[in-house]
Amino acid sequence: MEASEYKTFAKVYDILNYDMPYNLWLDIINEVKGNAQSVLDIGAGTGEILKSLKVKRKLGIDNSQEMVNIAHVNDPDSEYRVHDMVTMDLNESFELITATADVLNYAPSEEAFTAVLKNVYNHLAEGGVFVFDVHTEHKMQNDFNFELYSDSTEDIFYTWQTIPGEQELSVWHEMTFFIRNSANLYEKHEETHYQQTYKHSEILKIANDTGFIIDKSFSDFDINNVITEVAERNFYVLKK
């Protein structure tokens, strides 16, 4: 299989993710960002996070041109560019960097994941904060283990098949969309995406080896909750 960038999914992302808890991510970011006046949002998607942050300098990057196009319209007060988080070189530093909604799980290997953390470290101002979350081992092994999901709206029906990858704690997402067009016919679109996660201890080691200070780690949006074995997301707050 070969992974694709968000194209059709970008166009219907907000419609199909109507229940995304952006407010919970924002609560965490606002609690840890301090007086930061510059922010880089990695995997900014349609701009929902960045447009809600009260910061002077706001830059969002995404590797999907479609996502960036939508973000420009959705949030004209922020800047959005197409960049790959693994290879980004922005020639700028930021007091706050965010990567929400399991963005780092799209790094296709441990080497790529490590490269992202090194890139973030290099783009983070002294004393700056990096906030990100990843899928847990539990979620990979249970929710993404040949599970089939589906959803629909008035104009869209989609199925989402999860297939465990060859690497430990990895998954292929095979997505099929049927979208109603102007002729009242449904057009079929297909995309495939790949994600990989890592054990909590592995992430701590990579972060420490990169030079970060590990400020906080917790599960499922509860900043006062320790990392738990049965959880969907683990969160990390790192400082330089």
Protein backbone atom coordinates (compact mmCIF):
# COMPACT_ATOMS: atom_id res chain seq x y z
CA MET A 1 0.00 0.00 0.00
CA GLU A 2 1.03 3.60 -0.53
CA ALA A 3 -0.06 6.49 1.65
CA SER A 4 -1.66 9.54 0.06
CA GLU A 5 -2.01 13.12 1.25
CA TYR A 6 -5.37 14.52 2.32
CA LYS A 7 -7.27 15.49 -0.85
CA THR A 8 -10.93 14.48 -0.90
CA PHE A 9 -10.83 14.01 2.87
CA ALA A 10 -9.64 17.60 3.26
CA LYS A 11 -12.76 18.88 1.50
CA VAL A 12 -15.11 17.00 3.84
CA TYR A 13 -12.90 16.94 6.95
CA ASP A 14 -14.85 19.43 9.05
CA ILE A 15 -18.19 17.95 8.00
CA LEU A 16 -17.23 14.43 9.02
CA ASN A 17 -15.38 15.55 12.16
CA TYR A 18 -18.27 17.58 13.52
CA ASP A 19 -17.62 16.16 17.01
CA MET A 20 -13.88 16.91 17.18
CA PRO A 21 -13.19 18.28 20.69
CA TYR A 22 -11.17 21.32 19.59
CA ASN A 23 -12.16 23.09 22.79
CA LEU A 24 -10.37 20.45 24.87
CA TRP A 25 -7.14 20.84 22.87
CA LEU A 26 -7.43 24.60 23.23
CA ASP A 27 -7.91 24.31 27.00
CA ILE A 28 -4.62 22.41 27.24
CA ILE A 29 -2.73 24.77 24.92
CA ASN A 30 -3.98 27.88 26.71
CA GLU A 31 -3.01 26.41 30.07
CA VAL A 32 0.61 25.73 29.08
CA LYS A 33 1.42 28.45 26.54
CA GLY A 34 2.23 31.14 29.09
CA ASN A 35 2.84 34.53 27.45
CA ALA A 36 3.81 33.12 24.06
CA GLN A 37 3.21 35.60 21.24
CA SER A 38 4.29 33.40 18.34
CA VAL A 39 2.95 29.96 17.46
CA LEU A 40 3.64 27.32 14.83
CA ASP A 41 0.86 24.77 14.34
CA ILE A 42 2.12 21.59 12.67
CA GLY A 43 -0.50 19.68 10.70
CA ALA A 44 -2.77 22.70 10.95
CA GLY A 45 -5.50 21.10 8.84
CA THR A 46 -8.43 23.44 8.23
CA GLY A 47 -7.16 25.98 10.78
CA GLU A 48 -9.59 25.32 13.60
CA ILE A 49 -6.94 25.40 16.34
CA LEU A 50 -4.84 28.30 15.09
CA LYS A 51 -7.73 30.66 14.46
CA SER A 52 -8.82 30.34 18.10
CA LEU A 53 -5.44 31.20 19.63
CA LYS A 54 -4.87 34.80 20.72
CA VAL A 55 -1.28 35.21 19.60
CA LYS A 56 0.37 37.91 17.47
CA ARG A 57 2.33 35.69 15.07
CA LYS A 58 0.49 32.58 13.83
CA LEU A 59 1.81 30.17 11.20
CA GLY A 60 0.23 26.86 10.27
CA ILE A 61 1.83 24.21 8.09
CA ASP A 62 0.38 21.10 6.49
CA ASN A 63 1.61 18.73 3.80
CA SER A 64 -1.78 18.86 2.06
CA GLN A 65 -2.35 21.71 -0.38
CA GLU A 66 -6.10 21.14 -0.11
CA MET A 67 -5.98 21.58 3.66
CA VAL A 68 -3.95 24.76 3.33
CA ASN A 69 -6.39 26.17 0.77
CA ILE A 70 -9.30 25.57 3.14
CA ALA A 71 -7.41 27.00 6.12
CA HIS A 72 -6.72 30.24 4.18
CA VAL A 73 -10.48 30.71 3.78
CA ASN A 74 -11.40 29.51 7.26
CA ASP A 75 -8.78 31.63 9.03
CA PRO A 76 -7.60 34.60 6.92
CA ASP A 77 -5.88 36.22 9.92
CA SER A 78 -3.23 33.49 10.14
CA GLU A 79 -0.57 32.41 7.65
CA TYR A 80 -0.66 28.90 6.18
CA ARG A 81 1.94 27.13 4.06
CA VAL A 82 2.55 23.69 2.58
CA HIS A 83 5.46 22.02 4.40
CA ASP A 84 6.43 18.51 5.47
CA MET A 85 7.05 18.36 9.23
CA VAL A 86 9.87 15.87 8.70
CA THR A 87 11.91 18.21 6.51
CA MET A 88 10.61 21.70 7.39
CA ASP A 89 13.10 24.55 7.50
CA LEU A 90 11.21 27.77 8.18
CA ASN A 91 14.11 30.08 9.12
CA GLU A 92 12.09 31.31 12.09
CA SER A 93 11.64 30.41 15.76
CA PHE A 94 8.44 30.26 17.79
CA GLU A 95 7.60 30.51 21.48
CA LEU A 96 4.88 27.88 21.13
CA ILE A 97 4.63 24.91 18.75
CA THR A 98 1.58 22.64 18.60
CA ALA A 99 0.82 19.36 16.84
CA THR A 100 -2.66 18.20 17.78
CA ALA A 101 -5.06 15.45 16.67
CA ASP A 102 -2.37 12.72 16.37
CA VAL A 103 -0.42 14.65 13.72
CA LEU A 104 2.91 13.13 14.78
CA ASN A 105 1.54 9.65 14.12
CA TYR A 106 1.79 10.49 10.40
CA ALA A 107 5.58 10.43 10.65
CA PRO A 108 6.11 7.15 8.76
CA SER A 109 8.93 5.70 10.88
CA GLU A 110 10.80 6.12 14.14
CA GLU A 111 13.54 7.91 12.19
CA ALA A 112 10.96 10.33 10.79
CA PHE A 113 9.37 10.82 14.22
CA THR A 114 12.78 11.62 15.66
CA ALA A 115 13.46 14.03 12.78
CA VAL A 116 10.21 15.87 13.54
CA LEU A 117 11.18 16.34 17.19
CA LYS A 118 14.61 17.59 16.14
CA ASN A 119 12.99 20.03 13.70
CA VAL A 120 10.63 21.27 16.38
CA TYR A 121 13.54 21.74 18.81
CA ASN A 122 15.43 23.76 16.21
CA HIS A 123 12.38 25.98 15.55
CA LEU A 124 11.54 26.50 19.23
CA ALA A 125 12.70 29.63 21.03
CA GLU A 126 14.62 29.26 24.29
CA GLY A 127 12.09 28.59 27.03
CA GLY A 128 9.47 27.72 24.40
CA VAL A 129 6.78 25.06 24.74
CA PHE A 130 5.89 22.16 22.43
CA VAL A 131 2.52 20.43 22.86
CA PHE A 132 1.54 17.28 20.98
CA ASP A 133 -0.54 14.13 21.31
CA VAL A 134 -0.33 10.63 19.84
CA HIS A 135 -2.45 7.49 19.64
CA THR A 136 -1.83 5.09 22.51
CA GLU A 137 -0.73 1.48 22.26
CA HIS A 138 -4.19 0.49 23.52
CA LYS A 139 -5.95 2.37 20.73
CA MET A 140 -3.71 0.92 18.04
CA GLN A 141 -4.20 -2.63 19.29
CA ASN A 142 -7.95 -2.41 19.86
CA ASP A 143 -9.63 0.37 17.88
CA PHE A 144 -7.42 0.00 14.78
CA ASN A 145 -7.27 -3.79 14.61
CA PHE A 146 -9.20 -4.59 11.40
CA GLU A 147 -12.09 -2.45 12.65
CA LEU A 148 -14.54 -0.98 10.12
CA TYR A 149 -16.19 2.40 10.75
CA SER A 150 -18.74 4.35 8.74
CA ASP A 151 -20.69 7.59 8.93
CA SER A 152 -22.96 9.66 6.75
CA THR A 153 -24.49 13.08 6.31
CA GLU A 154 -27.11 14.27 3.88
CA ASP A 155 -24.57 14.47 1.04
CA ILE A 156 -21.72 12.17 2.12
CA PHE A 157 -21.30 8.52 3.03
CA TYR A 158 -17.93 7.06 3.93
CA THR A 159 -16.34 3.88 5.21
CA TRP A 160 -13.06 3.64 7.08
CA GLN A 161 -11.26 0.31 7.23
CA THR A 162 -8.32 -0.06 9.60
CA ILE A 163 -5.61 -2.61 8.77
CA PRO A 164 -2.62 -3.19 11.09
CA GLY A 165 0.69 -2.38 9.39
CA GLU A 166 3.81 -4.50 9.21
CA GLN A 167 5.60 -2.36 11.81
CA GLU A 168 4.66 -2.67 15.46
CA LEU A 169 1.90 -0.23 16.50
CA SER A 170 1.20 0.93 12.94
CA VAL A 171 -2.02 1.07 10.92
CA TRP A 172 -3.29 1.66 7.40
CA HIS A 173 -6.52 3.64 7.08
CA GLU A 174 -8.40 2.80 3.87
CA MET A 175 -11.10 5.41 3.32
CA THR A 176 -13.86 5.37 0.73
CA PHE A 177 -16.10 8.40 0.19
CA PHE A 178 -19.33 8.72 -1.75
CA ILE A 179 -20.09 12.42 -2.24
CA ARG A 180 -23.25 13.79 -3.85
CA ASN A 181 -22.50 16.06 -6.82
CA SER A 182 -24.53 18.81 -8.52
CA ALA A 183 -26.26 16.20 -10.71
CA ASN A 184 -27.53 14.48 -7.54
CA LEU A 185 -25.25 11.51 -8.21
CA TYR A 186 -22.72 10.08 -5.78
CA GLU A 187 -19.06 10.15 -6.82
CA LYS A 188 -16.66 7.62 -5.32
CA HIS A 189 -13.27 8.72 -3.95
CA GLU A 190 -10.62 6.65 -2.19
CA GLU A 191 -7.65 7.58 0.00
CA THR A 192 -5.15 5.58 2.04
CA HIS A 193 -3.33 6.95 5.08
CA TYR A 194 -0.63 5.45 7.30
CA GLN A 195 0.06 6.06 10.98
CA GLN A 196 2.51 4.70 13.52
CA THR A 197 2.77 5.27 17.24
CA TYR A 198 5.30 4.43 19.94
CA LYS A 199 5.39 3.29 23.52
CA HIS A 200 5.36 6.02 26.16
CA SER A 201 8.87 5.10 27.29
CA GLU A 202 10.16 5.35 23.70
CA ILE A 203 8.68 8.81 23.22
CA LEU A 204 10.21 10.03 26.48
CA LYS A 205 13.61 8.72 25.41
CA ILE A 206 13.44 10.36 21.97
CA ALA A 207 12.35 13.66 23.53
CA ASN A 208 15.11 13.50 26.14
CA ASP A 209 17.78 12.55 23.58
CA THR A 210 16.68 15.49 21.41
CA GLY A 211 17.34 17.88 24.29
CA PHE A 212 13.82 18.64 25.46
CA ILE A 213 12.82 19.11 29.07
CA ILE A 214 9.81 16.85 29.67
CA ASP A 215 7.36 19.08 31.54
CA LYS A 216 4.16 17.03 31.51
CA SER A 217 2.70 13.83 30.09
CA PHE A 218 -0.90 12.71 30.59
CA SER A 219 -3.74 10.81 28.97
CA ASP A 220 -7.05 11.74 27.34
CA PHE A 221 -7.16 15.55 27.71
CA ASP A 222 -6.86 15.48 31.52
CA ILE A 223 -3.74 17.46 32.38
CA ASN A 224 -3.94 16.11 35.94
CA ASN A 225 -4.23 12.51 34.76
CA VAL A 226 -1.11 10.36 34.67
CA ILE A 227 -0.36 8.22 31.62
CA THR A 228 -2.74 5.26 31.84
CA GLU A 229 -2.60 1.90 30.09
CA VAL A 230 -6.20 2.06 28.87
CA ALA A 231 -6.51 5.40 27.05
CA GLU A 232 -6.95 6.76 23.53
CA ARG A 233 -4.46 9.64 23.47
CA ASN A 234 -1.28 10.47 25.30
CA PHE A 235 -0.25 14.13 25.54
CA TYR A 236 3.20 15.61 25.97
CA VAL A 237 4.30 19.10 27.00
CA LEU A 238 7.99 19.65 26.26
CA LYS A 239 10.15 22.69 26.89
CA LYS A 240 13.46 23.95 25.50
